[in-house]
N, C-alpha and C. Protein backbone atom coordinates (compact mmCIF):
# COMPACT_ATOMS: atom_id res chain seq x y z
N UNK A 1 52.01 98.42 111.44
CA UNK A 1 53.60 97.91 111.78
C UNK A 1 53.42 96.10 112.28
N UNK A 2 52.69 95.20 111.73
CA UNK A 2 52.37 94.23 112.22
C UNK A 2 53.37 93.77 111.03
N UNK A 3 53.51 93.97 110.04
CA UNK A 3 55.06 93.33 109.15
C UNK A 3 56.28 93.38 109.41
N UNK A 4 56.18 94.32 109.92
CA UNK A 4 57.71 94.86 110.61
C UNK A 4 58.10 94.44 112.05
N UNK A 5 57.65 93.66 112.82
CA UNK A 5 58.01 92.62 113.44
C UNK A 5 58.20 91.25 112.87
N UNK A 6 57.35 91.05 112.13
CA UNK A 6 57.40 89.45 111.62
C UNK A 6 58.62 89.61 111.08
N UNK A 7 59.51 90.42 110.10
CA UNK A 7 60.51 90.73 108.89
C UNK A 7 62.02 90.88 110.51
N UNK A 8 61.35 91.35 111.70
CA UNK A 8 62.58 91.51 112.64
C UNK A 8 62.82 90.01 112.96
N UNK A 9 61.32 89.32 112.93
CA UNK A 9 61.70 88.05 113.29
C UNK A 9 62.18 87.02 112.18
N UNK A 10 61.72 87.20 110.87
CA UNK A 10 62.30 86.45 110.31
C UNK A 10 63.73 86.20 110.18
N UNK A 11 63.92 87.47 109.88
CA UNK A 11 65.17 88.04 109.86
C UNK A 11 66.48 87.22 111.08
N UNK A 12 66.36 87.66 112.10
CA UNK A 12 66.57 86.81 113.66
C UNK A 12 66.66 85.33 113.57
N UNK A 13 65.56 85.01 112.98
CA UNK A 13 65.48 83.64 112.62
C UNK A 13 67.01 83.19 111.32
N UNK A 14 67.01 83.90 110.49
CA UNK A 14 68.08 83.51 109.47
C UNK A 14 69.40 83.97 110.20
N UNK A 15 69.88 84.90 111.22
CA UNK A 15 70.79 85.32 111.36
C UNK A 15 71.54 83.72 112.08
N UNK A 16 70.12 83.53 113.11
CA UNK A 16 70.48 82.27 114.43
C UNK A 16 70.79 81.04 113.30
N UNK A 17 70.28 80.89 111.99
CA UNK A 17 70.57 80.08 111.14
C UNK A 17 71.72 79.94 110.60
N UNK A 18 72.31 81.14 110.31
CA UNK A 18 73.63 80.99 109.83
C UNK A 18 74.85 80.83 110.87
N UNK A 19 74.19 81.43 111.84
CA UNK A 19 75.37 81.01 112.96
C UNK A 19 75.34 79.41 113.32
N UNK A 20 74.32 79.04 113.01
CA UNK A 20 73.87 77.83 113.57
C UNK A 20 74.90 76.43 112.47
N UNK A 21 74.44 77.12 111.40
CA UNK A 21 75.65 76.34 110.14
C UNK A 21 76.89 76.72 109.67
N UNK A 22 76.95 77.24 110.88
CA UNK A 22 78.70 77.95 110.38
C UNK A 22 79.36 78.10 112.09
N UNK A 23 78.89 77.62 112.75
CA UNK A 23 79.30 77.39 113.85
C UNK A 23 81.24 77.51 113.98
N UNK A 24 81.44 76.69 113.30
CA UNK A 24 83.00 76.26 113.64
C UNK A 24 83.70 78.01 113.16
N UNK A 25 83.06 77.93 111.57
CA UNK A 25 83.50 79.40 111.58
C UNK A 25 83.71 80.27 112.70
N UNK A 26 82.25 80.50 113.12
CA UNK A 26 82.25 81.73 113.86
C UNK A 26 83.64 81.44 115.23
N UNK A 27 83.11 80.18 115.94
CA UNK A 27 84.43 80.11 116.33
C UNK A 27 85.53 80.48 116.59
N UNK A 28 85.95 80.11 115.21
CA UNK A 28 87.35 80.08 114.66
C UNK A 28 87.87 81.52 114.27
N UNK A 29 86.88 82.06 113.88
CA UNK A 29 86.69 83.58 113.83
C UNK A 29 87.30 84.96 115.04
N UNK A 30 86.29 84.09 115.94
CA UNK A 30 86.31 84.44 117.31
C UNK A 30 87.91 84.45 118.02
N UNK A 31 88.15 82.96 118.03
CA UNK A 31 89.46 82.69 118.35
C UNK A 31 90.57 83.51 117.90
N UNK A 32 90.82 83.73 116.92
CA UNK A 32 91.64 84.25 115.96
C UNK A 32 91.35 85.95 116.04
N UNK A 33 90.32 86.30 116.34
CA UNK A 33 89.87 87.80 116.63
C UNK A 33 90.39 88.06 117.80
N UNK A 34 90.54 87.40 118.92
CA UNK A 34 90.44 87.60 120.66
C UNK A 34 92.38 87.55 120.19
N UNK A 35 92.86 86.42 119.81
CA UNK A 35 94.49 86.37 119.52
C UNK A 35 94.83 87.49 118.73
N UNK A 36 94.53 88.44 117.68
CA UNK A 36 95.07 89.49 117.16
C UNK A 36 94.64 90.86 118.42
N UNK A 37 94.09 90.62 119.10
CA UNK A 37 93.56 92.09 119.98
C UNK A 37 94.79 91.78 121.05
N UNK A 38 95.10 90.43 121.45
CA UNK A 38 95.89 90.28 122.51
C UNK A 38 97.21 91.02 121.86
N UNK A 39 97.49 90.28 120.79
CA UNK A 39 98.66 91.00 120.00
C UNK A 39 99.17 92.18 119.97
N UNK A 40 98.09 92.81 119.47
CA UNK A 40 98.39 94.09 119.04
C UNK A 40 98.24 95.09 120.22
N UNK A 41 98.09 94.39 121.50
CA UNK A 41 97.79 95.17 122.79
C UNK A 41 99.16 94.76 123.47
N UNK A 42 99.99 93.51 123.07
CA UNK A 42 101.28 93.48 123.32
C UNK A 42 101.70 93.92 122.74
N UNK A 43 102.08 94.32 121.51
CA UNK A 43 102.80 95.22 120.42
C UNK A 43 102.96 96.42 121.14
N UNK A 44 101.40 97.15 120.98
CA UNK A 44 100.83 98.31 121.60
C UNK A 44 100.46 99.02 120.21
N UNK A 45 99.10 99.43 120.26
CA UNK A 45 98.12 100.21 119.27
C UNK A 45 98.46 101.35 118.42
N UNK A 46 99.60 102.23 119.32
CA UNK A 46 100.20 103.29 118.78
C UNK A 46 100.69 103.31 117.96
N UNK A 47 102.05 102.14 118.53
CA UNK A 47 102.96 101.32 117.70
C UNK A 47 102.76 100.71 116.08
N UNK A 48 101.75 100.12 116.19
CA UNK A 48 100.81 99.28 115.45
C UNK A 48 100.75 100.53 114.45
N UNK A 49 99.67 101.63 114.44
CA UNK A 49 99.40 102.80 113.49
C UNK A 49 100.11 103.07 112.94
N UNK A 50 101.49 103.38 113.91
CA UNK A 50 103.14 103.46 113.34
C UNK A 50 103.89 103.10 111.93
N UNK A 51 103.75 101.72 112.23
CA UNK A 51 104.26 100.69 111.60
C UNK A 51 103.00 100.77 110.40
N UNK A 52 101.99 100.78 110.58
CA UNK A 52 101.07 100.77 109.25
C UNK A 52 101.38 101.76 108.48
N UNK A 53 100.74 102.91 108.98
CA UNK A 53 101.52 104.43 107.99
C UNK A 53 102.50 104.41 107.53
N UNK A 54 104.46 103.44 107.96
CA UNK A 54 105.04 103.86 107.89
C UNK A 54 105.34 102.72 106.49
N UNK A 55 104.78 101.46 106.56
CA UNK A 55 104.50 100.42 105.63
C UNK A 55 103.64 101.01 104.00
N UNK A 56 102.60 101.64 104.50
CA UNK A 56 102.07 102.20 103.07
C UNK A 56 102.58 103.78 102.35
N UNK A 57 103.25 104.51 103.65
CA UNK A 57 104.33 105.01 102.71
C UNK A 57 104.87 104.68 101.58
N UNK A 58 106.14 103.33 102.27
CA UNK A 58 106.72 102.74 101.30
C UNK A 58 106.19 101.57 100.44
N UNK A 59 105.20 101.56 100.68
CA UNK A 59 104.18 100.72 99.22
C UNK A 59 103.66 102.07 98.20
N UNK A 60 103.75 103.07 98.88
CA UNK A 60 103.17 104.09 97.39
C UNK A 60 104.78 104.36 96.82
N UNK A 61 105.77 104.69 97.50
CA UNK A 61 107.26 104.91 97.69
C UNK A 61 107.40 103.94 96.31
N UNK A 62 106.96 102.46 96.78
CA UNK A 62 107.70 101.61 95.91
C UNK A 62 107.00 101.96 94.39
N UNK A 63 105.55 101.67 94.20
CA UNK A 63 104.91 101.70 93.44
C UNK A 63 104.89 102.74 92.43
N UNK A 64 105.51 104.03 92.81
CA UNK A 64 105.75 105.18 92.01
C UNK A 64 107.17 104.94 91.34
N UNK A 65 107.88 104.36 92.42
CA UNK A 65 109.28 104.87 91.64
C UNK A 65 109.83 103.26 90.65
N UNK A 66 108.90 101.87 91.11
CA UNK A 66 109.17 100.99 89.86
C UNK A 66 107.74 100.76 89.14
N UNK A 67 106.59 101.35 89.35
CA UNK A 67 105.81 100.97 88.34
C UNK A 67 105.03 102.55 87.29
N UNK A 68 104.82 101.82 86.44
CA UNK A 68 103.89 103.03 85.73
C UNK A 68 102.38 103.38 86.18
N UNK A 69 102.48 104.58 86.03
CA UNK A 69 100.66 104.93 86.35
C UNK A 69 99.30 104.45 85.41
N UNK A 70 98.64 104.28 86.23
CA UNK A 70 97.32 103.78 84.81
C UNK A 70 97.19 104.53 83.87
N UNK A 71 97.80 105.65 83.94
CA UNK A 71 96.86 106.05 82.80
C UNK A 71 97.96 106.55 81.54
N UNK A 72 99.46 106.61 82.41
CA UNK A 72 100.79 105.86 81.10
C UNK A 72 100.89 104.56 80.38
N UNK A 73 99.56 104.21 80.68
CA UNK A 73 100.16 102.32 79.88
C UNK A 73 98.38 102.12 79.65
N UNK A 74 98.19 101.87 78.40
CA UNK A 74 97.08 101.36 78.12
C UNK A 74 96.50 100.33 78.33
N UNK A 75 97.65 98.84 78.71
CA UNK A 75 96.98 97.67 79.02
C UNK A 75 96.92 97.79 80.19
N UNK A 76 96.72 98.58 81.08
CA UNK A 76 96.59 98.48 82.79
C UNK A 76 95.79 97.71 83.11
N UNK A 77 95.79 96.92 84.12
CA UNK A 77 94.42 95.62 85.10
C UNK A 77 94.21 96.42 85.82
N UNK A 78 93.01 96.77 85.96
CA UNK A 78 92.64 97.20 87.03
C UNK A 78 91.89 96.22 88.25
N UNK A 79 92.52 95.57 89.20
CA UNK A 79 91.95 94.89 90.06
C UNK A 79 90.44 95.30 90.99
N UNK A 80 90.80 96.19 91.56
CA UNK A 80 90.14 97.09 92.03
C UNK A 80 90.92 98.45 92.38
N UNK A 81 89.53 99.24 93.21
CA UNK A 81 90.25 100.48 93.58
C UNK A 81 91.92 100.70 94.03
N UNK A 82 92.28 99.69 94.58
CA UNK A 82 93.40 99.91 95.19
C UNK A 82 94.57 99.09 94.80
N UNK A 83 94.36 98.60 93.82
CA UNK A 83 95.35 97.67 93.43
C UNK A 83 95.29 97.65 91.35
N UNK A 84 96.16 98.11 90.65
CA UNK A 84 96.01 98.43 89.34
C UNK A 84 98.17 97.58 88.88
N UNK A 85 97.77 97.29 88.42
CA UNK A 85 98.90 96.57 87.60
C UNK A 85 99.24 97.03 86.32
N UNK A 86 100.26 97.80 86.21
CA UNK A 86 100.24 98.38 84.89
C UNK A 86 101.84 97.92 84.03
N UNK A 87 102.57 97.42 84.66
CA UNK A 87 103.76 96.87 83.84
C UNK A 87 104.92 97.68 84.56
N UNK A 88 106.28 97.22 84.96
CA UNK A 88 107.14 97.90 85.11
C UNK A 88 108.12 99.01 84.54
N UNK A 89 108.51 99.84 85.20
CA UNK A 89 109.13 100.68 84.19
C UNK A 89 110.54 100.06 83.86
N UNK A 90 110.91 100.46 82.48
CA UNK A 90 111.86 99.61 81.77
C UNK A 90 113.16 100.43 82.84
N UNK A 91 113.54 101.43 83.15
CA UNK A 91 114.77 102.23 83.75
C UNK A 91 114.40 101.78 85.19
N UNK A 92 114.13 100.71 85.36
CA UNK A 92 113.94 100.41 87.19
C UNK A 92 115.30 100.54 88.22
N UNK A 93 115.00 100.66 88.90
CA UNK A 93 116.26 100.23 89.95
C UNK A 93 116.19 98.63 90.69
N UNK A 94 117.49 98.59 91.06
CA UNK A 94 117.29 96.88 91.60
C UNK A 94 116.49 96.41 92.31
N UNK A 95 116.09 97.60 93.41
CA UNK A 95 114.88 97.43 94.31
C UNK A 95 114.20 97.51 93.70
N UNK A 96 113.95 97.43 92.22
CA UNK A 96 112.44 97.08 91.59
C UNK A 96 112.43 95.74 90.86
N UNK A 97 113.85 95.21 90.62
CA UNK A 97 113.59 93.88 90.50
C UNK A 97 112.59 93.00 90.66
N UNK A 98 112.66 92.65 92.12
CA UNK A 98 111.25 91.54 92.77
C UNK A 98 110.46 91.99 92.01
N UNK A 99 109.72 93.33 91.53
CA UNK A 99 108.02 93.53 91.31
C UNK A 99 108.26 92.60 90.07
N UNK A 100 109.65 92.60 89.37
CA UNK A 100 109.40 92.40 88.13
C UNK A 100 109.03 90.80 87.69
N UNK A 101 109.30 89.40 89.20
CA UNK A 101 108.42 88.52 88.87
C UNK A 101 107.28 88.56 88.64
N UNK A 102 106.69 89.56 89.37
CA UNK A 102 105.07 89.49 89.09
C UNK A 102 104.89 89.31 87.72
N UNK A 103 105.65 89.54 86.42
CA UNK A 103 104.95 90.06 85.33
C UNK A 103 105.36 88.77 84.52
């Protein structure tokens, strides 16, 4: 188990070096993370969860109404599992107009 101890010690030194050289980034992250937590508490965690769920629902509704499905379009571009740009439906409604700017 001698190797395990030296590996852990080496990993700890590596983390310390990373934190040392990135101290400003760490401090900035910690500051804004604390600000975010304060804002969430002030807004209300449960209300934030509800608003987030509503936004997701609206986004999915918008996507299904305004965009072609990936399997409907051979030219679809998948950026990651969450975002696929496939082209805007030609029979789009006025509410879909802003999406046409992205093309």
